[in-house]
């Protein structure tokens, strides 16, 4: 269980990496940004949502749980099982908290890919758009942003008819991919107070207490 929890934690540490990289758009994308931005505008219109998720790692390891999203800037992932792993963004910061390992790591939300997805106005245009293509019932938009993604990139998959988000895949600088699929999604939900609250005092305590 500890090694599994570490793999989950490693996925979120990839998300907050900020190693500089450059992105070149293919000439074939000259007409794509408008279509991509149409999907971004639809995604922006979803101000709150909740549902279940399944996370698949590069070695076929799987985990699952519940997620909650509220614009601007707020999201929470509660992982099932005994690890007690949760990931919370409160609009300013993002914390990766693991009760079992007794770790709590705090990052600036603006330095993570989640910032791109949680803005009131989601932007899939310009240099961060790397490609857009259709695959079956999905439209796949690949994004990269040197200020947030580093040497990684993220592919977001939307339903071609409804334009609703179905899944996303993060590929790190080593070419390893982790995919998160969401389902049982409800939009326009009311989220309980405190869902996106980060306990900054507890975070400081976790990181200043000397190991026994």
N, C-alpha and C. Protein backbone atom coordinates (compact mmCIF):
# COMPACT_ATOMS: atom_id res chain seq x y z
N UNK A 1 0.82 -1.21 0.00
CA UNK A 1 0.00 0.00 0.00
C UNK A 1 0.85 1.26 0.00
N UNK A 2 2.03 1.19 0.68
CA UNK A 2 2.86 2.37 0.72
C UNK A 2 3.42 2.69 -0.66
N UNK A 3 3.89 1.63 -1.39
CA UNK A 3 4.44 1.87 -2.73
C UNK A 3 3.36 2.39 -3.66
N UNK A 4 2.14 1.88 -3.53
CA UNK A 4 1.04 2.36 -4.36
C UNK A 4 0.75 3.82 -4.07
N UNK A 5 0.75 4.17 -2.79
CA UNK A 5 0.51 5.57 -2.42
C UNK A 5 1.60 6.47 -2.96
N UNK A 6 2.84 5.98 -2.96
CA UNK A 6 3.95 6.78 -3.48
C UNK A 6 3.79 7.01 -4.98
N UNK A 7 3.27 5.99 -5.71
CA UNK A 7 3.07 6.16 -7.15
C UNK A 7 2.01 7.22 -7.41
N UNK A 8 0.94 7.21 -6.58
CA UNK A 8 -0.11 8.22 -6.73
C UNK A 8 0.46 9.60 -6.45
N UNK A 9 1.26 9.69 -5.40
CA UNK A 9 1.87 10.97 -5.06
C UNK A 9 2.80 11.43 -6.18
N UNK A 10 3.51 10.47 -6.78
CA UNK A 10 4.41 10.81 -7.87
C UNK A 10 3.70 11.41 -9.05
N UNK A 11 2.47 10.92 -9.35
CA UNK A 11 1.69 11.48 -10.44
C UNK A 11 1.41 12.96 -10.20
N UNK A 12 1.05 13.30 -8.99
CA UNK A 12 0.72 14.70 -8.70
C UNK A 12 1.97 15.56 -8.64
N UNK A 13 3.11 14.98 -8.30
CA UNK A 13 4.34 15.75 -8.34
C UNK A 13 4.72 16.07 -9.78
N UNK A 14 4.40 15.16 -10.71
CA UNK A 14 4.62 15.46 -12.13
C UNK A 14 3.77 16.66 -12.55
N UNK A 15 2.55 16.71 -12.04
CA UNK A 15 1.64 17.80 -12.40
C UNK A 15 2.18 19.15 -11.99
N UNK A 16 2.94 19.20 -10.91
CA UNK A 16 3.41 20.49 -10.43
C UNK A 16 4.84 20.79 -10.87
N UNK A 17 5.40 19.96 -11.75
CA UNK A 17 6.74 20.25 -12.27
C UNK A 17 6.70 21.48 -13.15
N UNK A 18 7.80 22.24 -13.20
CA UNK A 18 7.83 23.48 -13.98
C UNK A 18 9.17 23.64 -14.69
N UNK A 19 9.59 22.58 -15.37
CA UNK A 19 10.82 22.64 -16.13
C UNK A 19 10.52 23.24 -17.49
N UNK A 20 11.29 24.22 -17.93
CA UNK A 20 10.98 24.94 -19.17
C UNK A 20 11.08 24.02 -20.37
N UNK A 21 10.17 24.23 -21.34
CA UNK A 21 10.18 23.52 -22.60
C UNK A 21 9.61 24.43 -23.66
N UNK A 22 9.90 24.17 -24.91
CA UNK A 22 9.33 24.96 -26.01
C UNK A 22 8.41 24.09 -26.82
N UNK A 23 7.38 24.70 -27.44
CA UNK A 23 6.37 24.00 -28.20
C UNK A 23 6.23 24.65 -29.56
N UNK A 24 6.23 23.84 -30.62
CA UNK A 24 6.04 24.35 -31.96
C UNK A 24 4.75 23.81 -32.51
N UNK A 25 3.88 24.68 -33.02
CA UNK A 25 2.62 24.27 -33.60
C UNK A 25 2.84 23.81 -35.03
N UNK A 26 2.16 22.74 -35.42
CA UNK A 26 2.21 22.27 -36.79
C UNK A 26 1.48 23.24 -37.70
N UNK A 27 1.99 23.45 -38.92
CA UNK A 27 1.29 24.33 -39.85
C UNK A 27 -0.14 23.89 -40.13
N UNK A 28 -0.42 22.58 -39.97
CA UNK A 28 -1.77 22.09 -40.25
C UNK A 28 -2.79 22.56 -39.25
N UNK A 29 -2.34 23.22 -38.15
CA UNK A 29 -3.25 23.66 -37.11
C UNK A 29 -3.76 25.07 -37.35
N UNK A 30 -3.51 25.63 -38.50
CA UNK A 30 -3.86 27.04 -38.73
C UNK A 30 -5.33 27.33 -38.50
N UNK A 31 -6.21 26.35 -38.77
CA UNK A 31 -7.64 26.57 -38.58
C UNK A 31 -8.15 25.94 -37.30
N UNK A 32 -7.26 25.20 -36.58
CA UNK A 32 -7.71 24.44 -35.41
C UNK A 32 -8.02 25.28 -34.18
N UNK A 33 -7.27 26.35 -33.87
CA UNK A 33 -7.51 27.05 -32.60
C UNK A 33 -8.94 27.50 -32.38
N UNK A 34 -9.64 27.91 -33.45
CA UNK A 34 -11.03 28.34 -33.28
C UNK A 34 -11.90 27.20 -32.80
N UNK A 35 -11.72 26.00 -33.38
CA UNK A 35 -12.48 24.84 -32.96
C UNK A 35 -12.13 24.46 -31.53
N UNK A 36 -10.85 24.48 -31.22
CA UNK A 36 -10.41 24.16 -29.86
C UNK A 36 -10.99 25.15 -28.86
N UNK A 37 -11.03 26.43 -29.22
CA UNK A 37 -11.55 27.43 -28.31
C UNK A 37 -13.06 27.29 -28.12
N UNK A 38 -13.76 26.76 -29.14
CA UNK A 38 -15.19 26.49 -28.98
C UNK A 38 -15.40 25.46 -27.87
N UNK A 39 -14.56 24.43 -27.86
CA UNK A 39 -14.63 23.43 -26.80
C UNK A 39 -14.25 24.05 -25.46
N UNK A 40 -13.23 24.90 -25.47
CA UNK A 40 -12.80 25.57 -24.24
C UNK A 40 -13.92 26.44 -23.68
N UNK A 41 -14.63 27.13 -24.56
CA UNK A 41 -15.73 27.99 -24.10
C UNK A 41 -16.84 27.16 -23.47
N UNK A 42 -17.12 26.00 -24.06
CA UNK A 42 -18.14 25.12 -23.47
C UNK A 42 -17.68 24.63 -22.10
N UNK A 43 -16.41 24.23 -22.01
CA UNK A 43 -15.87 23.76 -20.73
C UNK A 43 -15.90 24.88 -19.69
N UNK A 44 -15.62 26.11 -20.12
CA UNK A 44 -15.67 27.26 -19.22
C UNK A 44 -17.06 27.48 -18.65
N UNK A 45 -18.09 27.13 -19.42
CA UNK A 45 -19.47 27.37 -19.00
C UNK A 45 -19.89 26.45 -17.86
N UNK A 46 -19.14 25.38 -17.65
CA UNK A 46 -19.43 24.46 -16.54
C UNK A 46 -18.77 25.02 -15.28
N UNK A 47 -19.55 25.64 -14.43
CA UNK A 47 -18.99 26.33 -13.26
C UNK A 47 -18.78 25.40 -12.07
N UNK A 48 -19.47 24.28 -12.04
CA UNK A 48 -19.24 23.31 -10.97
C UNK A 48 -19.62 21.93 -11.47
N UNK A 49 -18.95 20.92 -10.96
CA UNK A 49 -19.24 19.55 -11.33
C UNK A 49 -18.67 18.60 -10.29
N UNK A 50 -19.21 17.40 -10.27
CA UNK A 50 -18.68 16.35 -9.39
C UNK A 50 -18.88 15.01 -10.08
N UNK A 51 -18.17 14.02 -9.61
CA UNK A 51 -18.29 12.70 -10.21
C UNK A 51 -17.25 11.74 -9.66
N UNK A 52 -17.15 10.60 -10.32
CA UNK A 52 -16.17 9.58 -9.97
C UNK A 52 -15.02 9.62 -10.96
N UNK A 53 -13.88 9.10 -10.54
CA UNK A 53 -12.74 9.02 -11.46
C UNK A 53 -11.99 7.72 -11.27
N UNK A 54 -11.34 7.30 -12.35
CA UNK A 54 -10.41 6.17 -12.32
C UNK A 54 -9.10 6.65 -12.90
N UNK A 55 -8.02 6.43 -12.19
CA UNK A 55 -6.69 6.85 -12.64
C UNK A 55 -5.88 5.62 -13.01
N UNK A 56 -5.34 5.62 -14.23
CA UNK A 56 -4.53 4.51 -14.72
C UNK A 56 -3.10 4.98 -14.91
N UNK A 57 -2.15 4.30 -14.30
CA UNK A 57 -0.76 4.70 -14.37
C UNK A 57 0.00 4.03 -15.51
N UNK A 58 1.25 4.41 -15.73
CA UNK A 58 2.04 3.87 -16.83
C UNK A 58 2.36 2.39 -16.71
N UNK A 59 2.24 1.82 -15.51
CA UNK A 59 2.47 0.39 -15.32
C UNK A 59 1.16 -0.36 -15.08
N UNK A 60 0.06 0.24 -15.59
CA UNK A 60 -1.28 -0.35 -15.51
C UNK A 60 -1.84 -0.36 -14.09
N UNK A 61 -1.19 0.35 -13.16
CA UNK A 61 -1.74 0.45 -11.81
C UNK A 61 -2.98 1.34 -11.84
N UNK A 62 -3.96 1.02 -11.05
CA UNK A 62 -5.22 1.77 -11.07
C UNK A 62 -5.60 2.23 -9.67
N UNK A 63 -6.25 3.37 -9.62
CA UNK A 63 -6.83 3.88 -8.38
C UNK A 63 -8.10 4.62 -8.76
N UNK A 64 -8.91 4.92 -7.76
CA UNK A 64 -10.19 5.55 -8.06
C UNK A 64 -10.62 6.44 -6.91
N UNK A 65 -11.70 7.18 -7.12
CA UNK A 65 -12.20 8.04 -6.07
C UNK A 65 -13.26 9.00 -6.58
N UNK A 66 -13.45 10.08 -5.82
CA UNK A 66 -14.44 11.10 -6.16
C UNK A 66 -13.74 12.43 -6.39
N UNK A 67 -14.33 13.24 -7.28
CA UNK A 67 -13.77 14.56 -7.49
C UNK A 67 -14.87 15.61 -7.44
N UNK A 68 -14.46 16.85 -7.14
CA UNK A 68 -15.36 17.99 -7.08
C UNK A 68 -14.64 19.18 -7.71
N UNK A 69 -15.35 19.94 -8.53
CA UNK A 69 -14.75 21.09 -9.21
C UNK A 69 -15.67 22.30 -9.07
N UNK A 70 -15.06 23.45 -8.85
CA UNK A 70 -15.81 24.71 -8.80
C UNK A 70 -14.93 25.83 -9.31
N UNK A 71 -15.42 26.53 -10.31
CA UNK A 71 -14.65 27.66 -10.84
C UNK A 71 -14.91 28.91 -10.01
N UNK A 72 -13.89 29.77 -9.92
CA UNK A 72 -12.54 29.62 -10.47
C UNK A 72 -11.58 28.97 -9.48
N UNK A 73 -10.75 28.09 -10.00
CA UNK A 73 -9.58 27.64 -9.28
C UNK A 73 -9.72 26.56 -8.23
N UNK A 74 -10.91 25.92 -8.12
CA UNK A 74 -11.09 24.98 -7.03
C UNK A 74 -11.38 23.58 -7.54
N UNK A 75 -10.66 22.60 -6.98
CA UNK A 75 -10.90 21.20 -7.31
C UNK A 75 -10.43 20.34 -6.15
N UNK A 76 -11.04 19.17 -6.03
CA UNK A 76 -10.64 18.23 -4.99
C UNK A 76 -10.76 16.81 -5.52
N UNK A 77 -9.72 16.00 -5.27
CA UNK A 77 -9.73 14.58 -5.58
C UNK A 77 -9.58 13.83 -4.27
N UNK A 78 -10.55 12.98 -3.96
CA UNK A 78 -10.47 12.10 -2.80
C UNK A 78 -10.25 10.67 -3.30
N UNK A 79 -9.10 10.11 -3.00
CA UNK A 79 -8.78 8.76 -3.44
C UNK A 79 -9.37 7.74 -2.48
N UNK A 80 -9.95 6.68 -3.06
CA UNK A 80 -10.52 5.61 -2.25
C UNK A 80 -9.39 4.77 -1.65
N UNK A 81 -9.73 3.98 -0.64
CA UNK A 81 -8.73 3.12 -0.02
C UNK A 81 -8.19 3.71 1.26
N UNK A 82 -7.15 3.08 1.76
CA UNK A 82 -6.63 3.43 3.08
C UNK A 82 -5.47 4.43 3.05
N UNK A 83 -5.07 4.86 1.87
CA UNK A 83 -3.93 5.79 1.82
C UNK A 83 -4.29 7.16 2.38
N UNK A 84 -5.58 7.52 2.29
CA UNK A 84 -5.99 8.84 2.76
C UNK A 84 -5.46 9.94 1.87
N UNK A 85 -5.19 9.63 0.60
CA UNK A 85 -4.65 10.63 -0.31
C UNK A 85 -5.74 11.55 -0.81
N UNK A 86 -5.47 12.85 -0.75
CA UNK A 86 -6.38 13.85 -1.30
C UNK A 86 -5.56 14.95 -1.95
N UNK A 87 -6.12 15.54 -2.99
CA UNK A 87 -5.49 16.66 -3.69
C UNK A 87 -6.51 17.78 -3.72
N UNK A 88 -6.13 18.96 -3.21
CA UNK A 88 -7.07 20.07 -3.08
C UNK A 88 -6.46 21.34 -3.65
N UNK A 89 -7.23 22.04 -4.46
CA UNK A 89 -6.86 23.38 -4.92
C UNK A 89 -7.94 24.35 -4.43
N UNK A 90 -7.51 25.44 -3.80
CA UNK A 90 -8.47 26.38 -3.21
C UNK A 90 -8.57 27.70 -3.98
N UNK A 91 -7.99 27.74 -5.18
CA UNK A 91 -8.00 28.96 -5.97
C UNK A 91 -6.67 29.69 -5.92
N UNK A 92 -5.88 29.37 -4.93
CA UNK A 92 -4.56 30.00 -4.75
C UNK A 92 -3.44 28.96 -4.72
N UNK A 93 -3.66 27.91 -3.97
CA UNK A 93 -2.64 26.89 -3.77
C UNK A 93 -3.20 25.51 -4.09
N UNK A 94 -2.28 24.55 -4.23
CA UNK A 94 -2.65 23.15 -4.39
C UNK A 94 -1.87 22.35 -3.36
N UNK A 95 -2.56 21.45 -2.67
CA UNK A 95 -1.90 20.63 -1.67
C UNK A 95 -2.12 19.16 -2.01
N UNK A 96 -1.06 18.36 -1.87
CA UNK A 96 -1.12 16.91 -2.00
C UNK A 96 -0.93 16.36 -0.60
N UNK A 97 -2.01 15.81 -0.04
CA UNK A 97 -2.00 15.38 1.36
C UNK A 97 -2.18 13.87 1.44
N UNK A 98 -1.30 13.21 2.15
CA UNK A 98 -1.35 11.77 2.33
C UNK A 98 -1.32 11.43 3.82
N UNK A 99 -2.46 11.04 4.34
CA UNK A 99 -2.55 10.75 5.77
C UNK A 99 -1.70 9.56 6.16
N UNK A 100 -1.67 8.52 5.28
CA UNK A 100 -0.94 7.31 5.63
C UNK A 100 0.56 7.57 5.72
N UNK A 101 1.09 8.32 4.75
CA UNK A 101 2.52 8.62 4.75
C UNK A 101 2.86 9.85 5.60
N UNK A 102 1.81 10.53 6.09
CA UNK A 102 1.98 11.73 6.92
C UNK A 102 2.80 12.79 6.18
N UNK A 103 2.39 13.04 4.94
CA UNK A 103 3.03 14.09 4.14
C UNK A 103 1.98 15.07 3.65
N UNK A 104 2.39 16.31 3.48
CA UNK A 104 1.51 17.36 2.97
C UNK A 104 2.38 18.34 2.20
N UNK A 105 2.21 18.38 0.89
CA UNK A 105 3.07 19.21 0.03
C UNK A 105 2.23 20.29 -0.63
N UNK A 106 2.68 21.51 -0.49
CA UNK A 106 1.93 22.68 -0.94
C UNK A 106 2.63 23.33 -2.12
N UNK A 107 1.85 23.72 -3.13
CA UNK A 107 2.38 24.35 -4.34
C UNK A 107 1.49 25.52 -4.74
N UNK A 108 2.06 26.40 -5.52
CA UNK A 108 1.26 27.49 -6.10
C UNK A 108 0.43 26.93 -7.24
N UNK A 109 -0.87 27.18 -7.22
CA UNK A 109 -1.76 26.66 -8.26
C UNK A 109 -1.35 27.18 -9.63
N UNK A 110 -0.83 28.38 -9.70
CA UNK A 110 -0.46 28.99 -10.98
C UNK A 110 0.68 28.25 -11.67
N UNK A 111 1.39 27.38 -10.93
CA UNK A 111 2.50 26.63 -11.49
C UNK A 111 2.11 25.20 -11.83
N UNK A 112 0.82 24.90 -11.92
CA UNK A 112 0.36 23.56 -12.25
C UNK A 112 -0.55 23.60 -13.47
N UNK A 113 -0.65 22.48 -14.21
CA UNK A 113 -1.58 22.41 -15.33
C UNK A 113 -3.04 22.63 -14.92
N UNK A 114 -3.37 22.34 -13.67
CA UNK A 114 -4.75 22.54 -13.22
C UNK A 114 -5.19 23.99 -13.33
N UNK A 115 -4.25 24.92 -13.19
CA UNK A 115 -4.58 26.33 -13.32
C UNK A 115 -5.23 26.62 -14.68
N UNK A 116 -4.70 25.99 -15.74
CA UNK A 116 -5.23 26.19 -17.08
C UNK A 116 -6.68 25.72 -17.17
N UNK A 117 -7.01 24.66 -16.46
CA UNK A 117 -8.33 24.05 -16.56
C UNK A 117 -9.37 24.67 -15.64
N UNK A 118 -8.91 25.40 -14.62
CA UNK A 118 -9.83 25.90 -13.60
C UNK A 118 -10.13 27.38 -13.71
N UNK A 119 -9.53 28.05 -14.68
CA UNK A 119 -9.82 29.46 -14.89
C UNK A 119 -11.30 29.66 -15.24
N UNK A 120 -11.84 30.83 -14.94
CA UNK A 120 -13.19 31.14 -15.37
C UNK A 120 -13.31 31.09 -16.88
N UNK A 121 -12.25 31.53 -17.55
CA UNK A 121 -12.20 31.53 -19.01
C UNK A 121 -11.07 30.62 -19.44
N UNK A 122 -11.41 29.38 -19.81
CA UNK A 122 -10.41 28.41 -20.23
C UNK A 122 -9.90 28.79 -21.62
N UNK A 123 -8.58 28.70 -21.80
CA UNK A 123 -7.96 29.15 -23.05
C UNK A 123 -7.18 28.01 -23.70
N UNK A 124 -7.67 27.54 -24.86
CA UNK A 124 -6.98 26.50 -25.62
C UNK A 124 -6.35 27.08 -26.89
N UNK A 125 -6.17 28.39 -26.93
CA UNK A 125 -5.66 29.02 -28.14
C UNK A 125 -4.17 29.33 -28.01
N UNK A 126 -3.61 29.85 -29.09
CA UNK A 126 -2.23 30.33 -29.04
C UNK A 126 -1.22 29.21 -28.93
N UNK A 127 -0.09 29.52 -28.32
CA UNK A 127 1.05 28.62 -28.32
C UNK A 127 0.86 27.39 -27.45
N UNK A 128 -0.10 27.39 -26.52
CA UNK A 128 -0.27 26.22 -25.68
C UNK A 128 -0.99 25.08 -26.41
N UNK A 129 -1.64 25.38 -27.54
CA UNK A 129 -2.31 24.34 -28.32
C UNK A 129 -1.30 23.64 -29.22
N UNK A 130 -1.09 22.33 -28.98
CA UNK A 130 -0.12 21.58 -29.76
C UNK A 130 -0.78 20.79 -30.89
N UNK A 131 -1.95 20.24 -30.63
CA UNK A 131 -2.67 19.52 -31.69
C UNK A 131 -4.12 19.35 -31.30
N UNK A 132 -4.95 19.08 -32.29
CA UNK A 132 -6.37 18.77 -32.08
C UNK A 132 -6.77 17.75 -33.14
N UNK A 133 -7.44 16.68 -32.71
CA UNK A 133 -7.84 15.64 -33.67
C UNK A 133 -9.06 14.91 -33.14
N UNK A 134 -9.75 14.24 -34.05
CA UNK A 134 -10.89 13.42 -33.69
C UNK A 134 -10.49 11.95 -33.69
N UNK A 135 -11.01 11.24 -32.71
CA UNK A 135 -10.77 9.80 -32.63
C UNK A 135 -12.06 9.14 -32.15
N UNK A 136 -12.79 8.56 -33.07
CA UNK A 136 -14.08 7.97 -32.72
C UNK A 136 -15.04 9.04 -32.23
N UNK A 137 -15.57 8.85 -31.04
CA UNK A 137 -16.53 9.79 -30.47
C UNK A 137 -15.86 10.91 -29.67
N UNK A 138 -14.54 10.98 -29.72
CA UNK A 138 -13.83 11.95 -28.92
C UNK A 138 -13.09 12.98 -29.78
N UNK A 139 -12.96 14.18 -29.23
CA UNK A 139 -12.05 15.19 -29.78
C UNK A 139 -10.90 15.30 -28.77
N UNK A 140 -9.67 15.13 -29.26
CA UNK A 140 -8.51 15.11 -28.38
C UNK A 140 -7.71 16.38 -28.60
N UNK A 141 -7.54 17.14 -27.54
CA UNK A 141 -6.78 18.39 -27.59
C UNK A 141 -5.52 18.22 -26.76
N UNK A 142 -4.38 18.40 -27.40
CA UNK A 142 -3.09 18.26 -26.73
C UNK A 142 -2.55 19.65 -26.41
N UNK A 143 -2.17 19.86 -25.16
CA UNK A 143 -1.71 21.16 -24.69
C UNK A 143 -0.33 21.07 -24.08
N UNK A 144 0.41 22.15 -24.20
CA UNK A 144 1.69 22.29 -23.51
C UNK A 144 1.88 23.76 -23.17
N UNK A 145 2.46 24.01 -22.01
CA UNK A 145 2.68 25.39 -21.56
C UNK A 145 3.95 25.38 -20.72
N UNK A 146 4.99 26.03 -21.19
CA UNK A 146 6.29 25.92 -20.53
C UNK A 146 6.28 26.43 -19.10
N UNK A 147 5.35 27.33 -18.78
CA UNK A 147 5.31 27.87 -17.42
C UNK A 147 4.64 26.93 -16.43
N UNK A 148 3.89 25.95 -16.94
CA UNK A 148 3.16 25.05 -16.03
C UNK A 148 3.44 23.58 -16.30
N UNK A 149 3.59 23.19 -17.55
CA UNK A 149 3.72 21.79 -17.90
C UNK A 149 5.16 21.32 -17.91
N UNK A 150 6.10 22.22 -18.02
CA UNK A 150 7.49 21.82 -18.12
C UNK A 150 7.70 20.96 -19.35
N UNK A 151 8.44 19.85 -19.19
CA UNK A 151 8.69 18.94 -20.29
C UNK A 151 7.56 17.94 -20.48
N UNK A 152 6.45 18.13 -19.82
CA UNK A 152 5.29 17.26 -19.93
C UNK A 152 4.25 17.90 -20.85
N UNK A 153 3.26 17.09 -21.24
CA UNK A 153 2.13 17.63 -21.97
C UNK A 153 0.86 16.92 -21.50
N UNK A 154 -0.27 17.53 -21.77
CA UNK A 154 -1.54 16.97 -21.35
C UNK A 154 -2.49 16.90 -22.54
N UNK A 155 -3.17 15.78 -22.68
CA UNK A 155 -4.17 15.60 -23.72
C UNK A 155 -5.53 15.49 -23.06
N UNK A 156 -6.44 16.37 -23.45
CA UNK A 156 -7.80 16.37 -22.91
C UNK A 156 -8.75 15.80 -23.94
N UNK A 157 -9.63 14.91 -23.52
CA UNK A 157 -10.54 14.22 -24.42
C UNK A 157 -11.98 14.62 -24.12
N UNK A 158 -12.65 15.17 -25.12
CA UNK A 158 -14.01 15.66 -24.99
C UNK A 158 -14.95 14.86 -25.89
N UNK A 159 -16.19 14.70 -25.43
CA UNK A 159 -17.21 14.06 -26.25
C UNK A 159 -17.46 14.91 -27.50
N UNK A 160 -17.42 14.28 -28.67
CA UNK A 160 -17.52 15.04 -29.92
C UNK A 160 -18.89 15.69 -30.09
N UNK A 161 -19.95 15.09 -29.52
CA UNK A 161 -21.30 15.64 -29.67
C UNK A 161 -21.64 16.66 -28.59
N UNK A 162 -21.38 16.32 -27.34
CA UNK A 162 -21.77 17.20 -26.23
C UNK A 162 -20.68 18.19 -25.84
N UNK A 163 -19.43 17.90 -26.24
CA UNK A 163 -18.24 18.69 -25.89
C UNK A 163 -17.88 18.59 -24.41
N UNK A 164 -18.49 17.63 -23.71
CA UNK A 164 -18.18 17.45 -22.29
C UNK A 164 -16.85 16.72 -22.11
N UNK A 165 -16.12 17.07 -21.05
CA UNK A 165 -14.85 16.43 -20.74
C UNK A 165 -15.08 14.99 -20.31
N UNK A 166 -14.31 14.06 -20.89
CA UNK A 166 -14.41 12.64 -20.56
C UNK A 166 -13.17 12.11 -19.83
N UNK A 167 -12.00 12.55 -20.26
CA UNK A 167 -10.76 12.06 -19.63
C UNK A 167 -9.62 12.98 -20.01
N UNK A 168 -8.48 12.81 -19.32
CA UNK A 168 -7.26 13.50 -19.71
C UNK A 168 -6.07 12.60 -19.42
N UNK A 169 -5.00 12.80 -20.20
CA UNK A 169 -3.78 12.02 -20.04
C UNK A 169 -2.60 12.96 -19.90
N UNK A 170 -1.76 12.69 -18.91
CA UNK A 170 -0.55 13.46 -18.70
C UNK A 170 0.65 12.60 -19.09
N UNK A 171 1.47 13.10 -20.01
CA UNK A 171 2.70 12.41 -20.40
C UNK A 171 3.89 13.21 -19.89
N UNK A 172 4.73 12.57 -19.08
CA UNK A 172 5.84 13.29 -18.47
C UNK A 172 7.05 13.32 -19.40
N UNK A 173 8.13 13.92 -18.91
CA UNK A 173 9.33 14.10 -19.74
C UNK A 173 9.99 12.78 -20.11
N UNK A 174 9.64 11.69 -19.41
CA UNK A 174 10.19 10.37 -19.72
C UNK A 174 9.29 9.59 -20.68
N UNK A 175 8.18 10.20 -21.07
CA UNK A 175 7.25 9.53 -21.98
C UNK A 175 6.26 8.62 -21.28
N UNK A 176 6.20 8.69 -19.95
CA UNK A 176 5.26 7.87 -19.18
C UNK A 176 3.93 8.60 -19.07
N UNK A 177 2.84 7.87 -19.30
CA UNK A 177 1.52 8.48 -19.37
C UNK A 177 0.60 7.98 -18.26
N UNK A 178 -0.07 8.91 -17.62
CA UNK A 178 -1.10 8.60 -16.62
C UNK A 178 -2.42 9.20 -17.11
N UNK A 179 -3.48 8.39 -17.08
CA UNK A 179 -4.78 8.81 -17.60
C UNK A 179 -5.82 8.83 -16.50
N UNK A 180 -6.63 9.89 -16.47
CA UNK A 180 -7.73 10.00 -15.53
C UNK A 180 -9.03 10.05 -16.33
N UNK A 181 -9.92 9.11 -16.07
CA UNK A 181 -11.23 9.05 -16.73
C UNK A 181 -12.30 9.41 -15.72
N UNK A 182 -13.21 10.31 -16.10
CA UNK A 182 -14.27 10.72 -15.18
C UNK A 182 -15.63 10.21 -15.70
N UNK A 183 -16.52 9.89 -14.76
CA UNK A 183 -17.84 9.35 -15.12
C UNK A 183 -18.82 9.65 -14.00
N UNK A 184 -20.09 9.34 -14.24
CA UNK A 184 -21.15 9.71 -13.29
C UNK A 184 -21.07 11.19 -12.96
N UNK A 185 -20.77 11.99 -13.97
CA UNK A 185 -20.54 13.42 -13.76
C UNK A 185 -21.86 14.18 -13.68
N UNK A 186 -21.95 15.07 -12.70
CA UNK A 186 -23.08 15.97 -12.57
C UNK A 186 -22.57 17.40 -12.63
N UNK A 187 -23.23 18.21 -13.45
CA UNK A 187 -22.83 19.61 -13.60
C UNK A 187 -23.78 20.52 -12.83
N UNK A 188 -23.28 21.70 -12.49
CA UNK A 188 -24.11 22.66 -11.76
C UNK A 188 -24.46 22.21 -10.36
N UNK A 189 -23.56 21.49 -9.71
CA UNK A 189 -23.83 20.95 -8.38
C UNK A 189 -23.46 21.96 -7.30
N UNK A 190 -24.08 21.79 -6.15
CA UNK A 190 -23.70 22.56 -4.97
C UNK A 190 -22.71 21.75 -4.16
N UNK A 191 -21.59 22.35 -3.87
CA UNK A 191 -20.53 21.64 -3.15
C UNK A 191 -20.54 22.07 -1.69
N UNK A 192 -20.41 21.11 -0.81
CA UNK A 192 -20.46 21.40 0.63
C UNK A 192 -19.35 22.34 1.04
N UNK A 193 -19.68 23.24 1.97
CA UNK A 193 -18.69 24.17 2.49
C UNK A 193 -17.50 23.45 3.08
N UNK A 194 -16.32 23.96 2.84
CA UNK A 194 -15.11 23.34 3.36
C UNK A 194 -14.47 22.32 2.43
N UNK A 195 -15.15 21.98 1.33
CA UNK A 195 -14.63 20.98 0.41
C UNK A 195 -13.26 21.37 -0.13
N UNK A 196 -13.09 22.65 -0.42
CA UNK A 196 -11.84 23.12 -1.03
C UNK A 196 -10.94 23.87 -0.05
N UNK A 197 -11.18 23.68 1.24
CA UNK A 197 -10.39 24.37 2.25
C UNK A 197 -9.06 23.65 2.47
N UNK A 198 -7.98 24.40 2.41
CA UNK A 198 -6.65 23.87 2.72
C UNK A 198 -6.28 24.31 4.13
N UNK A 199 -5.87 23.36 4.94
CA UNK A 199 -5.45 23.66 6.31
C UNK A 199 -3.96 24.05 6.26
N UNK A 200 -3.69 25.34 6.11
CA UNK A 200 -2.31 25.80 5.98
C UNK A 200 -1.51 25.58 7.25
N UNK A 201 -2.17 25.71 8.40
CA UNK A 201 -1.48 25.49 9.67
C UNK A 201 -1.03 24.04 9.79
N UNK A 202 -1.90 23.11 9.41
CA UNK A 202 -1.54 21.69 9.47
C UNK A 202 -0.43 21.38 8.48
N UNK A 203 -0.46 22.03 7.32
CA UNK A 203 0.61 21.83 6.34
C UNK A 203 1.95 22.25 6.89
N UNK A 204 1.98 23.41 7.57
CA UNK A 204 3.23 23.87 8.18
C UNK A 204 3.71 22.90 9.25
N UNK A 205 2.76 22.37 10.02
CA UNK A 205 3.12 21.44 11.09
C UNK A 205 3.72 20.15 10.52
N UNK A 206 3.11 19.64 9.45
CA UNK A 206 3.63 18.44 8.80
C UNK A 206 5.08 18.62 8.35
N UNK A 207 5.38 19.82 7.87
CA UNK A 207 6.67 20.05 7.24
C UNK A 207 7.72 20.68 8.15
N UNK A 208 7.34 20.96 9.40
CA UNK A 208 8.32 21.50 10.35
C UNK A 208 8.59 20.54 11.50
N UNK A 209 7.71 19.55 11.67
CA UNK A 209 7.92 18.56 12.73
C UNK A 209 9.06 17.62 12.35
N UNK A 210 10.01 17.45 13.21
CA UNK A 210 11.15 16.56 12.95
C UNK A 210 10.70 15.10 13.04
N UNK A 211 11.24 14.24 12.16
CA UNK A 211 10.92 12.82 12.25
C UNK A 211 11.35 12.25 13.60
N UNK A 212 10.57 11.33 14.08
CA UNK A 212 10.88 10.71 15.36
C UNK A 212 11.94 9.61 15.18
